[in-house]
Amino acid sequence: LLIMAFAGNLAAVLFAPKKRKQVPHKIDQKSRGKVKYYQR
């Protein structure tokens, strides 16, 4: 049982998915819509 616990945790460490860097999404002009600017 100890060997099974060790093997399971070792597999979890070795085969863990890599963390990816989050890239900010670019927003298309069409999906964002028209922006209105007001002056004071």
Full PDB file with SEQRES, HELIX, SHEET, SSBOND, CRYST1, ORIGX, SCALE, CONECT and MASTER records, all heavy atoms in Angstrom:
SEQRES   1 A   40  LEU LEU ILE MET ALA PHE ALA GLY ASN LEU ALA ALA VAL          
SEQRES   2 A   40  LEU PHE ALA PRO LYS LYS ARG LYS GLN VAL PRO HIS LYS          
SEQRES   3 A   40  ILE ASP GLN LYS SER ARG GLY LYS VAL LYS TYR TYR GLN          
SEQRES   4 A   40  ARG                                                          
HELIX    1 AA1 LEU A    2  LEU A   14  1                                  13    
HELIX    2 AA2 GLN A   29  ARG A   32  1                                   4    
CRYST1    1.000    1.000    1.000  90.00  90.00  90.00 P 1           1          
ORIGX1      1.000000  0.000000  0.000000        0.00000                         
ORIGX2      0.000000  1.000000  0.000000        0.00000                         
ORIGX3      0.000000  0.000000  1.000000        0.00000                         
SCALE1      1.000000  0.000000  0.000000        0.00000                         
SCALE2      0.000000  1.000000  0.000000        0.00000                         
SCALE3      0.000000  0.000000  1.000000        0.00000                         
ATOM      1  N   LEU A   1       0.826  -1.210   0.000  1.00  0.00           N  
ATOM      2  CA  LEU A   1       0.000   0.000   0.000  1.00  0.00           C  
ATOM      3  C   LEU A   1       0.863   1.264   0.000  1.00  0.00           C  
ATOM      4  O   LEU A   1       0.522   2.250  -0.667  1.00  0.00           O  
ATOM      5  CB  LEU A   1      -0.948  -0.003   1.194  1.00  0.00           C  
ATOM      6  CG  LEU A   1      -2.064  -1.048   1.147  1.00  0.00           C  
ATOM      7  CD1 LEU A   1      -2.829  -1.055   2.460  1.00  0.00           C  
ATOM      8  CD2 LEU A   1      -2.982  -0.791  -0.017  1.00  0.00           C  
ATOM      9  N   LEU A   2       1.965   1.233   0.717  1.00  0.00           N  
ATOM     10  CA  LEU A   2       2.877   2.373   0.721  1.00  0.00           C  
ATOM     11  C   LEU A   2       3.493   2.585  -0.666  1.00  0.00           C  
ATOM     12  O   LEU A   2       3.599   3.727  -1.134  1.00  0.00           O  
ATOM     13  CB  LEU A   2       3.988   2.171   1.752  1.00  0.00           C  
ATOM     14  CG  LEU A   2       4.973   3.319   1.869  1.00  0.00           C  
ATOM     15  CD1 LEU A   2       4.340   4.467   2.639  1.00  0.00           C  
ATOM     16  CD2 LEU A   2       6.247   2.874   2.533  1.00  0.00           C  
ATOM     17  N   ILE A   3       3.848   1.507  -1.330  1.00  0.00           N  
ATOM     18  CA  ILE A   3       4.415   1.622  -2.684  1.00  0.00           C  
ATOM     19  C   ILE A   3       3.375   2.165  -3.655  1.00  0.00           C  
ATOM     20  O   ILE A   3       3.697   2.984  -4.530  1.00  0.00           O  
ATOM     21  CB  ILE A   3       4.977   0.254  -3.139  1.00  0.00           C  
ATOM     22  CG1 ILE A   3       6.240  -0.063  -2.338  1.00  0.00           C  
ATOM     23  CG2 ILE A   3       5.264   0.247  -4.635  1.00  0.00           C  
ATOM     24  CD1 ILE A   3       6.754  -1.465  -2.536  1.00  0.00           C  
ATOM     25  N   MET A   4       2.118   1.747  -3.510  1.00  0.00           N  
ATOM     26  CA  MET A   4       1.066   2.285  -4.379  1.00  0.00           C  
ATOM     27  C   MET A   4       0.844   3.773  -4.141  1.00  0.00           C  
ATOM     28  O   MET A   4       0.671   4.536  -5.097  1.00  0.00           O  
ATOM     29  CB  MET A   4      -0.241   1.526  -4.162  1.00  0.00           C  
ATOM     30  CG  MET A   4      -0.278   0.167  -4.791  1.00  0.00           C  
ATOM     31  SD  MET A   4      -1.911  -0.527  -4.676  1.00  0.00           S  
ATOM     32  CE  MET A   4      -1.559  -2.003  -3.764  1.00  0.00           C  
ATOM     33  N   ALA A   5       0.856   4.193  -2.881  1.00  0.00           N  
ATOM     34  CA  ALA A   5       0.697   5.619  -2.570  1.00  0.00           C  
ATOM     35  C   ALA A   5       1.865   6.416  -3.121  1.00  0.00           C  
ATOM     36  O   ALA A   5       1.699   7.499  -3.694  1.00  0.00           O  
ATOM     37  CB  ALA A   5       0.574   5.812  -1.061  1.00  0.00           C  
ATOM     38  N   PHE A   6       3.069   5.885  -2.972  1.00  0.00           N  
ATOM     39  CA  PHE A   6       4.263   6.555  -3.483  1.00  0.00           C  
ATOM     40  C   PHE A   6       4.203   6.666  -5.004  1.00  0.00           C  
ATOM     41  O   PHE A   6       4.486   7.731  -5.571  1.00  0.00           O  
ATOM     42  CB  PHE A   6       5.514   5.793  -3.046  1.00  0.00           C  
ATOM     43  CG  PHE A   6       6.794   6.508  -3.350  1.00  0.00           C  
ATOM     44  CD1 PHE A   6       7.285   7.454  -2.476  1.00  0.00           C  
ATOM     45  CD2 PHE A   6       7.498   6.237  -4.511  1.00  0.00           C  
ATOM     46  CE1 PHE A   6       8.461   8.116  -2.755  1.00  0.00           C  
ATOM     47  CE2 PHE A   6       8.665   6.898  -4.797  1.00  0.00           C  
ATOM     48  CZ  PHE A   6       9.153   7.845  -3.914  1.00  0.00           C  
ATOM     49  N   ALA A   7       3.830   5.582  -5.666  1.00  0.00           N  
ATOM     50  CA  ALA A   7       3.771   5.576  -7.130  1.00  0.00           C  
ATOM     51  C   ALA A   7       2.703   6.531  -7.650  1.00  0.00           C  
ATOM     52  O   ALA A   7       2.912   7.235  -8.646  1.00  0.00           O  
ATOM     53  CB  ALA A   7       3.509   4.163  -7.634  1.00  0.00           C  
ATOM     54  N   GLY A   8       1.563   6.579  -6.989  1.00  0.00           N  
ATOM     55  CA  GLY A   8       0.503   7.484  -7.418  1.00  0.00           C  
ATOM     56  C   GLY A   8       0.906   8.943  -7.287  1.00  0.00           C  
ATOM     57  O   GLY A   8       0.659   9.759  -8.187  1.00  0.00           O  
ATOM     58  N   ASN A   9       1.531   9.294  -6.186  1.00  0.00           N  
ATOM     59  CA  ASN A   9       1.969  10.678  -6.005  1.00  0.00           C  
ATOM     60  C   ASN A   9       3.124  11.031  -6.944  1.00  0.00           C  
ATOM     61  O   ASN A   9       3.193  12.149  -7.451  1.00  0.00           O  
ATOM     62  CB  ASN A   9       2.375  10.924  -4.551  1.00  0.00           C  
ATOM     63  CG  ASN A   9       1.185  11.003  -3.646  1.00  0.00           C  
ATOM     64  OD1 ASN A   9       0.258  11.759  -3.906  1.00  0.00           O  
ATOM     65  ND2 ASN A   9       1.179  10.220  -2.594  1.00  0.00           N  
ATOM     66  N   LEU A  10       4.013  10.077  -7.180  1.00  0.00           N  
ATOM     67  CA  LEU A  10       5.109  10.329  -8.113  1.00  0.00           C  
ATOM     68  C   LEU A  10       4.580  10.540  -9.531  1.00  0.00           C  
ATOM     69  O   LEU A  10       5.034  11.434 -10.254  1.00  0.00           O  
ATOM     70  CB  LEU A  10       6.104   9.175  -8.077  1.00  0.00           C  
ATOM     71  CG  LEU A  10       7.365   9.340  -8.901  1.00  0.00           C  
ATOM     72  CD1 LEU A  10       8.184  10.525  -8.387  1.00  0.00           C  
ATOM     73  CD2 LEU A  10       8.184   8.078  -8.873  1.00  0.00           C  
ATOM     74  N   ALA A  11       3.594   9.745  -9.934  1.00  0.00           N  
ATOM     75  CA  ALA A  11       2.984   9.919 -11.257  1.00  0.00           C  
ATOM     76  C   ALA A  11       2.284  11.273 -11.354  1.00  0.00           C  
ATOM     77  O   ALA A  11       2.332  11.934 -12.398  1.00  0.00           O  
ATOM     78  CB  ALA A  11       2.000   8.790 -11.542  1.00  0.00           C  
ATOM     79  N   ALA A  12       1.645  11.700 -10.279  1.00  0.00           N  
ATOM     80  CA  ALA A  12       0.969  13.006 -10.285  1.00  0.00           C  
ATOM     81  C   ALA A  12       1.970  14.140 -10.422  1.00  0.00           C  
ATOM     82  O   ALA A  12       1.700  15.132 -11.097  1.00  0.00           O  
ATOM     83  CB  ALA A  12       0.140  13.177  -9.011  1.00  0.00           C  
ATOM     84  N   VAL A  13       3.139  13.995  -9.811  1.00  0.00           N  
ATOM     85  CA  VAL A  13       4.167  15.039  -9.925  1.00  0.00           C  
ATOM     86  C   VAL A  13       4.771  15.038 -11.327  1.00  0.00           C  
ATOM     87  O   VAL A  13       4.948  16.090 -11.945  1.00  0.00           O  
ATOM     88  CB  VAL A  13       5.262  14.846  -8.856  1.00  0.00           C  
ATOM     89  CG1 VAL A  13       6.453  15.740  -9.126  1.00  0.00           C  
ATOM     90  CG2 VAL A  13       4.704  15.135  -7.475  1.00  0.00           C  
ATOM     91  N   LEU A  14       5.081  13.857 -11.843  1.00  0.00           N  
ATOM     92  CA  LEU A  14       5.771  13.784 -13.130  1.00  0.00           C  
ATOM     93  C   LEU A  14       4.875  14.120 -14.318  1.00  0.00           C  
ATOM     94  O   LEU A  14       5.335  14.707 -15.291  1.00  0.00           O  
ATOM     95  CB  LEU A  14       6.361  12.384 -13.323  1.00  0.00           C  
ATOM     96  CG  LEU A  14       7.491  12.006 -12.379  1.00  0.00           C  
ATOM     97  CD1 LEU A  14       7.935  10.572 -12.653  1.00  0.00           C  
ATOM     98  CD2 LEU A  14       8.659  12.960 -12.509  1.00  0.00           C  
ATOM     99  N   PHE A  15       3.609  13.756 -14.240  1.00  0.00           N  
ATOM    100  CA  PHE A  15       2.722  13.941 -15.385  1.00  0.00           C  
ATOM    101  C   PHE A  15       1.714  15.061 -15.180  1.00  0.00           C  
ATOM    102  O   PHE A  15       0.674  15.099 -15.838  1.00  0.00           O  
ATOM    103  CB  PHE A  15       1.998  12.638 -15.711  1.00  0.00           C  
ATOM    104  CG  PHE A  15       2.935  11.535 -16.086  1.00  0.00           C  
ATOM    105  CD1 PHE A  15       3.054  10.406 -15.288  1.00  0.00           C  
ATOM    106  CD2 PHE A  15       3.711  11.629 -17.217  1.00  0.00           C  
ATOM    107  CE1 PHE A  15       3.928   9.392 -15.623  1.00  0.00           C  
ATOM    108  CE2 PHE A  15       4.590  10.619 -17.565  1.00  0.00           C  
ATOM    109  CZ  PHE A  15       4.704   9.496 -16.763  1.00  0.00           C  
ATOM    110  N   ALA A  16       2.002  15.986 -14.291  1.00  0.00           N  
ATOM    111  CA  ALA A  16       1.114  17.131 -14.074  1.00  0.00           C  
ATOM    112  C   ALA A  16       1.166  18.036 -15.301  1.00  0.00           C  
ATOM    113  O   ALA A  16       2.229  18.239 -15.889  1.00  0.00           O  
ATOM    114  CB  ALA A  16       1.540  17.907 -12.835  1.00  0.00           C  
ATOM    115  N   PRO A  17       0.026  18.587 -15.708  1.00  0.00           N  
ATOM    116  CA  PRO A  17       0.038  19.479 -16.871  1.00  0.00           C  
ATOM    117  C   PRO A  17       0.815  20.753 -16.548  1.00  0.00           C  
ATOM    118  O   PRO A  17       0.785  21.260 -15.429  1.00  0.00           O  
ATOM    119  CB  PRO A  17      -1.433  19.781 -17.114  1.00  0.00           C  
ATOM    120  CG  PRO A  17      -2.127  19.440 -15.860  1.00  0.00           C  
ATOM    121  CD  PRO A  17      -1.301  18.410 -15.156  1.00  0.00           C  
ATOM    122  N   LYS A  18       1.532  21.212 -17.547  1.00  0.00           N  
ATOM    123  CA  LYS A  18       2.318  22.435 -17.379  1.00  0.00           C  
ATOM    124  C   LYS A  18       1.395  23.637 -17.317  1.00  0.00           C  
ATOM    125  O   LYS A  18       0.377  23.694 -17.990  1.00  0.00           O  
ATOM    126  CB  LYS A  18       3.279  22.614 -18.561  1.00  0.00           C  
ATOM    127  CG  LYS A  18       4.179  21.430 -18.818  1.00  0.00           C  
ATOM    128  CD  LYS A  18       5.345  21.459 -17.907  1.00  0.00           C  
ATOM    129  CE  LYS A  18       6.246  20.279 -18.270  1.00  0.00           C  
ATOM    130  NZ  LYS A  18       7.316  20.076 -17.427  1.00  0.00           N  
ATOM    131  N   LYS A  19       1.773  24.599 -16.498  1.00  0.00           N  
ATOM    132  CA  LYS A  19       0.996  25.830 -16.429  1.00  0.00           C  
ATOM    133  C   LYS A  19       1.351  26.695 -17.622  1.00  0.00           C  
ATOM    134  O   LYS A  19       2.516  26.900 -17.931  1.00  0.00           O  
ATOM    135  CB  LYS A  19       1.297  26.586 -15.138  1.00  0.00           C  
ATOM    136  CG  LYS A  19       0.759  25.925 -13.913  1.00  0.00           C  
ATOM    137  CD  LYS A  19       0.987  26.790 -12.705  1.00  0.00           C  
ATOM    138  CE  LYS A  19       0.419  26.135 -11.465  1.00  0.00           C  
ATOM    139  NZ  LYS A  19       0.651  26.950 -10.274  1.00  0.00           N  
ATOM    140  N   ARG A  20       0.343  27.193 -18.285  1.00  0.00           N  
ATOM    141  CA  ARG A  20       0.555  28.056 -19.441  1.00  0.00           C  
ATOM    142  C   ARG A  20       0.414  29.501 -19.020  1.00  0.00           C  
ATOM    143  O   ARG A  20      -0.399  29.834 -18.156  1.00  0.00           O  
ATOM    144  CB  ARG A  20      -0.451  27.747 -20.535  1.00  0.00           C  
ATOM    145  CG  ARG A  20      -0.295  26.363 -21.098  1.00  0.00           C  
ATOM    146  CD  ARG A  20      -1.277  26.159 -22.213  1.00  0.00           C  
ATOM    147  NE  ARG A  20      -1.184  24.798 -22.720  1.00  0.00           N  
ATOM    148  CZ  ARG A  20      -1.930  24.324 -23.669  1.00  0.00           C  
ATOM    149  NH1 ARG A  20      -2.849  25.092 -24.224  1.00  0.00           N  
ATOM    150  NH2 ARG A  20      -1.792  23.093 -24.084  1.00  0.00           N  
ATOM    151  N   LYS A  21       1.179  30.348 -19.653  1.00  0.00           N  
ATOM    152  CA  LYS A  21       1.045  31.777 -19.397  1.00  0.00           C  
ATOM    153  C   LYS A  21      -0.231  32.266 -20.063  1.00  0.00           C  
ATOM    154  O   LYS A  21      -0.531  31.916 -21.199  1.00  0.00           O  
ATOM    155  CB  LYS A  21       2.242  32.540 -19.961  1.00  0.00           C  
ATOM    156  CG  LYS A  21       3.527  32.221 -19.245  1.00  0.00           C  
ATOM    157  CD  LYS A  21       4.654  33.031 -19.823  1.00  0.00           C  
ATOM    158  CE  LYS A  21       5.954  32.707 -19.137  1.00  0.00           C  
ATOM    159  NZ  LYS A  21       7.077  33.446 -19.700  1.00  0.00           N  
ATOM    160  N   GLN A  22      -0.967  33.074 -19.343  1.00  0.00           N  
ATOM    161  CA  GLN A  22      -2.203  33.592 -19.897  1.00  0.00           C  
ATOM    162  C   GLN A  22      -1.899  34.813 -20.743  1.00  0.00           C  
ATOM    163  O   GLN A  22      -1.280  35.769 -20.288  1.00  0.00           O  
ATOM    164  CB  GLN A  22      -3.173  33.957 -18.787  1.00  0.00           C  
ATOM    165  CG  GLN A  22      -3.687  32.750 -18.038  1.00  0.00           C  
ATOM    166  CD  GLN A  22      -4.709  33.135 -17.002  1.00  0.00           C  
ATOM    167  OE1 GLN A  22      -4.934  34.310 -16.757  1.00  0.00           O  
ATOM    168  NE2 GLN A  22      -5.320  32.140 -16.377  1.00  0.00           N  
ATOM    169  N   VAL A  23      -2.342  34.745 -21.977  1.00  0.00           N  
ATOM    170  CA  VAL A  23      -2.149  35.838 -22.915  1.00  0.00           C  
ATOM    171  C   VAL A  23      -3.453  36.621 -22.976  1.00  0.00           C  
ATOM    172  O   VAL A  23      -4.528  36.025 -23.134  1.00  0.00           O  
ATOM    173  CB  VAL A  23      -1.781  35.302 -24.310  1.00  0.00           C  
ATOM    174  CG1 VAL A  23      -1.606  36.422 -25.297  1.00  0.00           C  
ATOM    175  CG2 VAL A  23      -0.534  34.442 -24.217  1.00  0.00           C  
ATOM    176  N   PRO A  24      -3.382  37.937 -22.832  1.00  0.00           N  
ATOM    177  CA  PRO A  24      -4.630  38.699 -22.913  1.00  0.00           C  
ATOM    178  C   PRO A  24      -5.245  38.565 -24.305  1.00  0.00           C  
ATOM    179  O   PRO A  24      -4.559  38.591 -25.317  1.00  0.00           O  
ATOM    180  CB  PRO A  24      -4.215  40.137 -22.626  1.00  0.00           C  
ATOM    181  CG  PRO A  24      -2.740  40.176 -22.774  1.00  0.00           C  
ATOM    182  CD  PRO A  24      -2.236  38.776 -22.599  1.00  0.00           C  
ATOM    183  N   HIS A  25      -6.555  38.402 -24.327  1.00  0.00           N  
ATOM    184  CA  HIS A  25      -7.262  38.230 -25.588  1.00  0.00           C  
ATOM    185  C   HIS A  25      -7.420  39.580 -26.287  1.00  0.00           C  
ATOM    186  O   HIS A  25      -7.737  40.583 -25.668  1.00  0.00           O  
ATOM    187  CB  HIS A  25      -8.644  37.623 -25.354  1.00  0.00           C  
ATOM    188  CG  HIS A  25      -8.588  36.258 -24.752  1.00  0.00           C  
ATOM    189  ND1 HIS A  25      -8.189  35.161 -25.457  1.00  0.00           N  
ATOM    190  CD2 HIS A  25      -8.856  35.817 -23.505  1.00  0.00           C  
ATOM    191  CE1 HIS A  25      -8.225  34.113 -24.693  1.00  0.00           C  
ATOM    192  NE2 HIS A  25      -8.626  34.477 -23.484  1.00  0.00           N  
ATOM    193  N   LYS A  26      -7.214  39.561 -27.586  1.00  0.00           N  
ATOM    194  CA  LYS A  26      -7.437  40.766 -28.374  1.00  0.00           C  
ATOM    195  C   LYS A  26      -8.906  40.813 -28.761  1.00  0.00           C  
ATOM    196  O   LYS A  26      -9.490  39.829 -29.206  1.00  0.00           O  
ATOM    197  CB  LYS A  26      -6.569  40.755 -29.628  1.00  0.00           C  
ATOM    198  CG  LYS A  26      -5.096  40.862 -29.316  1.00  0.00           C  
ATOM    199  CD  LYS A  26      -4.281  40.902 -30.570  1.00  0.00           C  
ATOM    200  CE  LYS A  26      -2.812  41.017 -30.252  1.00  0.00           C  
ATOM    201  NZ  LYS A  26      -1.984  41.050 -31.447  1.00  0.00           N  
ATOM    202  N   ILE A  27      -9.488  41.962 -28.599  1.00  0.00           N  
ATOM    203  CA  ILE A  27     -10.906  42.130 -28.914  1.00  0.00           C  
ATOM    204  C   ILE A  27     -11.025  42.727 -30.303  1.00  0.00           C  
ATOM    205  O   ILE A  27     -10.396  43.733 -30.631  1.00  0.00           O  
ATOM    206  CB  ILE A  27     -11.586  43.050 -27.872  1.00  0.00           C  
ATOM    207  CG1 ILE A  27     -11.434  42.450 -26.489  1.00  0.00           C  
ATOM    208  CG2 ILE A  27     -13.041  43.262 -28.217  1.00  0.00           C  
ATOM    209  CD1 ILE A  27     -11.914  43.354 -25.387  1.00  0.00           C  
ATOM    210  N   ASP A  28     -11.812  42.074 -31.131  1.00  0.00           N  
ATOM    211  CA  ASP A  28     -12.034  42.580 -32.483  1.00  0.00           C  
ATOM    212  C   ASP A  28     -12.881  43.846 -32.425  1.00  0.00           C  
ATOM    213  O   ASP A  28     -13.678  44.052 -31.522  1.00  0.00           O  
ATOM    214  CB  ASP A  28     -12.763  41.537 -33.335  1.00  0.00           C  
ATOM    215  CG  ASP A  28     -11.914  40.294 -33.552  1.00  0.00           C  
ATOM    216  OD1 ASP A  28     -10.676  40.410 -33.475  1.00  0.00           O  
ATOM    217  OD2 ASP A  28     -12.510  39.225 -33.787  1.00  0.00           O  
ATOM    218  N   GLN A  29     -12.692  44.694 -33.411  1.00  0.00           N  
ATOM    219  CA  GLN A  29     -13.463  45.933 -33.492  1.00  0.00           C  
ATOM    220  C   GLN A  29     -14.944  45.642 -33.699  1.00  0.00           C  
ATOM    221  O   GLN A  29     -15.794  46.329 -33.165  1.00  0.00           O  
ATOM    222  CB  GLN A  29     -12.940  46.811 -34.641  1.00  0.00           C  
ATOM    223  CG  GLN A  29     -11.572  47.404 -34.391  1.00  0.00           C  
ATOM    224  CD  GLN A  29     -11.601  48.456 -33.288  1.00  0.00           C  
ATOM    225  OE1 GLN A  29     -12.643  49.019 -32.984  1.00  0.00           O  
ATOM    226  NE2 GLN A  29     -10.453  48.698 -32.687  1.00  0.00           N  
ATOM    227  N   LYS A  30     -15.257  44.610 -34.435  1.00  0.00           N  
ATOM    228  CA  LYS A  30     -16.645  44.305 -34.726  1.00  0.00           C  
ATOM    229  C   LYS A  30     -17.371  43.805 -33.474  1.00  0.00           C  
ATOM    230  O   LYS A  30     -18.515  44.162 -33.220  1.00  0.00           O  
ATOM    231  CB  LYS A  30     -16.741  43.246 -35.816  1.00  0.00           C  
ATOM    232  CG  LYS A  30     -16.293  43.747 -37.163  1.00  0.00           C  
ATOM    233  CD  LYS A  30     -16.392  42.657 -38.197  1.00  0.00           C  
ATOM    234  CE  LYS A  30     -15.871  43.135 -39.544  1.00  0.00           C  
ATOM    235  NZ  LYS A  30     -15.908  42.069 -40.542  1.00  0.00           N  
ATOM    236  N   SER A  31     -16.716  42.964 -32.708  1.00  0.00           N  
ATOM    237  CA  SER A  31     -17.389  42.413 -31.543  1.00  0.00           C  
ATOM    238  C   SER A  31     -17.467  43.417 -30.399  1.00  0.00           C  
ATOM    239  O   SER A  31     -18.332  43.311 -29.541  1.00  0.00           O  
ATOM    240  CB  SER A  31     -16.655  41.152 -31.058  1.00  0.00           C  
ATOM    241  OG  SER A  31     -15.350  41.497 -30.614  1.00  0.00           O  
ATOM    242  N   ARG A  32     -16.570  44.385 -30.377  1.00  0.00           N  
ATOM    243  CA  ARG A  32     -16.579  45.368 -29.307  1.00  0.00           C  
ATOM    244  C   ARG A  32     -17.682  46.385 -29.511  1.00  0.00           C  
ATOM    245  O   ARG A  32     -18.245  46.916 -28.570  1.00  0.00           O  
ATOM    246  CB  ARG A  32     -15.218  46.070 -29.245  1.00  0.00           C  
ATOM    247  CG  ARG A  32     -15.135  47.045 -28.098  1.00  0.00           C  
ATOM    248  CD  ARG A  32     -13.771  47.543 -27.837  1.00  0.00           C  
ATOM    249  NE  ARG A  32     -13.134  48.048 -29.038  1.00  0.00           N  
ATOM    250  CZ  ARG A  32     -11.994  48.706 -29.045  1.00  0.00           C  
ATOM    251  NH1 ARG A  32     -11.385  48.936 -27.926  1.00  0.00           N  
ATOM    252  NH2 ARG A  32     -11.469  49.127 -30.162  1.00  0.00           N  
ATOM    253  N   GLY A  33     -18.011  46.682 -30.733  1.00  0.00           N  
ATOM    254  CA  GLY A  33     -19.051  47.663 -31.013  1.00  0.00           C  
ATOM    255  C   GLY A  33     -18.445  49.046 -31.171  1.00  0.00           C  
ATOM    256  O   GLY A  33     -17.248  49.256 -31.101  1.00  0.00           O  
ATOM    257  N   LYS A  34     -19.326  49.989 -31.370  1.00  0.00           N  
ATOM    258  CA  LYS A  34     -18.889  51.353 -31.596  1.00  0.00           C  
ATOM    259  C   LYS A  34     -18.726  52.065 -30.251  1.00  0.00           C  
ATOM    260  O   LYS A  34     -19.585  51.972 -29.385  1.00  0.00           O  
ATOM    261  CB  LYS A  34     -19.923  52.091 -32.449  1.00  0.00           C  
ATOM    262  CG  LYS A  34     -19.401  53.293 -33.130  1.00  0.00           C  
ATOM    263  CD  LYS A  34     -20.414  53.799 -34.133  1.00  0.00           C  
ATOM    264  CE  LYS A  34     -19.747  54.793 -35.046  1.00  0.00           C  
ATOM    265  NZ  LYS A  34     -20.676  55.293 -36.043  1.00  0.00           N  
ATOM    266  N   VAL A  35     -17.620  52.767 -30.096  1.00  0.00           N  
ATOM    267  CA  VAL A  35     -17.337  53.465 -28.848  1.00  0.00           C  
ATOM    268  C   VAL A  35     -17.579  54.946 -29.073  1.00  0.00           C  
ATOM    269  O   VAL A  35     -17.104  55.537 -30.048  1.00  0.00           O  
ATOM    270  CB  VAL A  35     -15.878  53.230 -28.405  1.00  0.00           C  
ATOM    271  CG1 VAL A  35     -15.578  53.998 -27.142  1.00  0.00           C  
ATOM    272  CG2 VAL A  35     -15.615  51.759 -28.227  1.00  0.00           C  
ATOM    273  N   LYS A  36     -18.325  55.539 -28.176  1.00  0.00           N  
ATOM    274  CA  LYS A  36     -18.595  56.972 -28.276  1.00  0.00           C  
ATOM    275  C   LYS A  36     -17.783  57.689 -27.214  1.00  0.00           C  
ATOM    276  O   LYS A  36     -17.751  57.292 -26.063  1.00  0.00           O  
ATOM    277  CB  LYS A  36     -20.074  57.256 -28.062  1.00  0.00           C  
ATOM    278  CG  LYS A  36     -20.950  56.639 -29.126  1.00  0.00           C  
ATOM    279  CD  LYS A  36     -22.402  56.960 -28.854  1.00  0.00           C  
ATOM    280  CE  LYS A  36     -23.262  56.307 -29.924  1.00  0.00           C  
ATOM    281  NZ  LYS A  36     -24.672  56.567 -29.705  1.00  0.00           N  
ATOM    282  N   TYR A  37     -17.144  58.763 -27.646  1.00  0.00           N  
ATOM    283  CA  TYR A  37     -16.353  59.570 -26.727  1.00  0.00           C  
ATOM    284  C   TYR A  37     -17.034  60.914 -26.558  1.00  0.00           C  
ATOM    285  O   TYR A  37     -17.456  61.544 -27.531  1.00  0.00           O  
ATOM    286  CB  TYR A  37     -14.931  59.774 -27.269  1.00  0.00           C  
ATOM    287  CG  TYR A  37     -14.135  58.491 -27.367  1.00  0.00           C  
ATOM    288  CD1 TYR A  37     -13.986  57.842 -28.580  1.00  0.00           C  
ATOM    289  CD2 TYR A  37     -13.557  57.935 -26.224  1.00  0.00           C  
ATOM    290  CE1 TYR A  37     -13.280  56.655 -28.666  1.00  0.00           C  
ATOM    291  CE2 TYR A  37     -12.832  56.771 -26.306  1.00  0.00           C  
ATOM    292  CZ  TYR A  37     -12.694  56.127 -27.524  1.00  0.00           C  
ATOM    293  OH  TYR A  37     -11.975  54.969 -27.608  1.00  0.00           O  
ATOM    294  N   TYR A  38     -17.138  61.363 -25.335  1.00  0.00           N  
ATOM    295  CA  TYR A  38     -17.759  62.650 -25.029  1.00  0.00           C  
ATOM    296  C   TYR A  38     -16.717  63.569 -24.415  1.00  0.00           C  
ATOM    297  O   TYR A  38     -15.890  63.133 -23.630  1.00  0.00           O  
ATOM    298  CB  TYR A  38     -18.926  62.476 -24.061  1.00  0.00           C  
ATOM    299  CG  TYR A  38     -20.034  61.618 -24.625  1.00  0.00           C  
ATOM    300  CD1 TYR A  38     -20.148  60.282 -24.285  1.00  0.00           C  
ATOM    301  CD2 TYR A  38     -20.947  62.161 -25.510  1.00  0.00           C  
ATOM    302  CE1 TYR A  38     -21.159  59.517 -24.807  1.00  0.00           C  
ATOM    303  CE2 TYR A  38     -21.960  61.406 -26.033  1.00  0.00           C  
ATOM    304  CZ  TYR A  38     -22.060  60.065 -25.696  1.00  0.00           C  
ATOM    305  OH  TYR A  38     -23.062  59.304 -26.197  1.00  0.00           O  
ATOM    306  N   GLN A  39     -16.799  64.824 -24.795  1.00  0.00           N  
ATOM    307  CA  GLN A  39     -15.858  65.806 -24.237  1.00  0.00           C  
ATOM    308  C   GLN A  39     -16.585  66.625 -23.195  1.00  0.00           C  
ATOM    309  O   GLN A  39     -17.751  66.966 -23.332  1.00  0.00           O  
ATOM    310  CB  GLN A  39     -15.353  66.750 -25.330  1.00  0.00           C  
ATOM    311  CG  GLN A  39     -14.387  66.074 -26.274  1.00  0.00           C  
ATOM    312  CD  GLN A  39     -13.853  67.062 -27.276  1.00  0.00           C  
ATOM    313  OE1 GLN A  39     -14.425  68.136 -27.472  1.00  0.00           O  
ATOM    314  NE2 GLN A  39     -12.751  66.735 -27.916  1.00  0.00           N  
ATOM    315  N   ARG A  40     -15.849  66.983 -22.174  1.00  0.00           N  
ATOM    316  CA  ARG A  40     -16.377  67.903 -21.173  1.00  0.00           C  
ATOM    317  C   ARG A  40     -16.107  69.321 -21.646  1.00  0.00           C  
ATOM    318  O   ARG A  40     -15.076  69.609 -22.203  1.00  0.00           O  
ATOM    319  CB  ARG A  40     -15.715  67.702 -19.836  1.00  0.00           C  
ATOM    320  CG  ARG A  40     -16.105  66.404 -19.170  1.00  0.00           C  
ATOM    321  CD  ARG A  40     -15.417  66.373 -17.854  1.00  0.00           C  
ATOM    322  NE  ARG A  40     -16.344  65.849 -16.855  1.00  0.00           N  
ATOM    323  CZ  ARG A  40     -16.064  65.687 -15.617  1.00  0.00           C  
ATOM    324  NH1 ARG A  40     -14.880  66.018 -15.172  1.00  0.00           N  
ATOM    325  NH2 ARG A  40     -16.933  65.189 -14.790  1.00  0.00           N  
TER     326      ARG A  40                                                      
MASTER        0    0    0    2    0    0    0    6  325    1    0    4          
END                                                                             
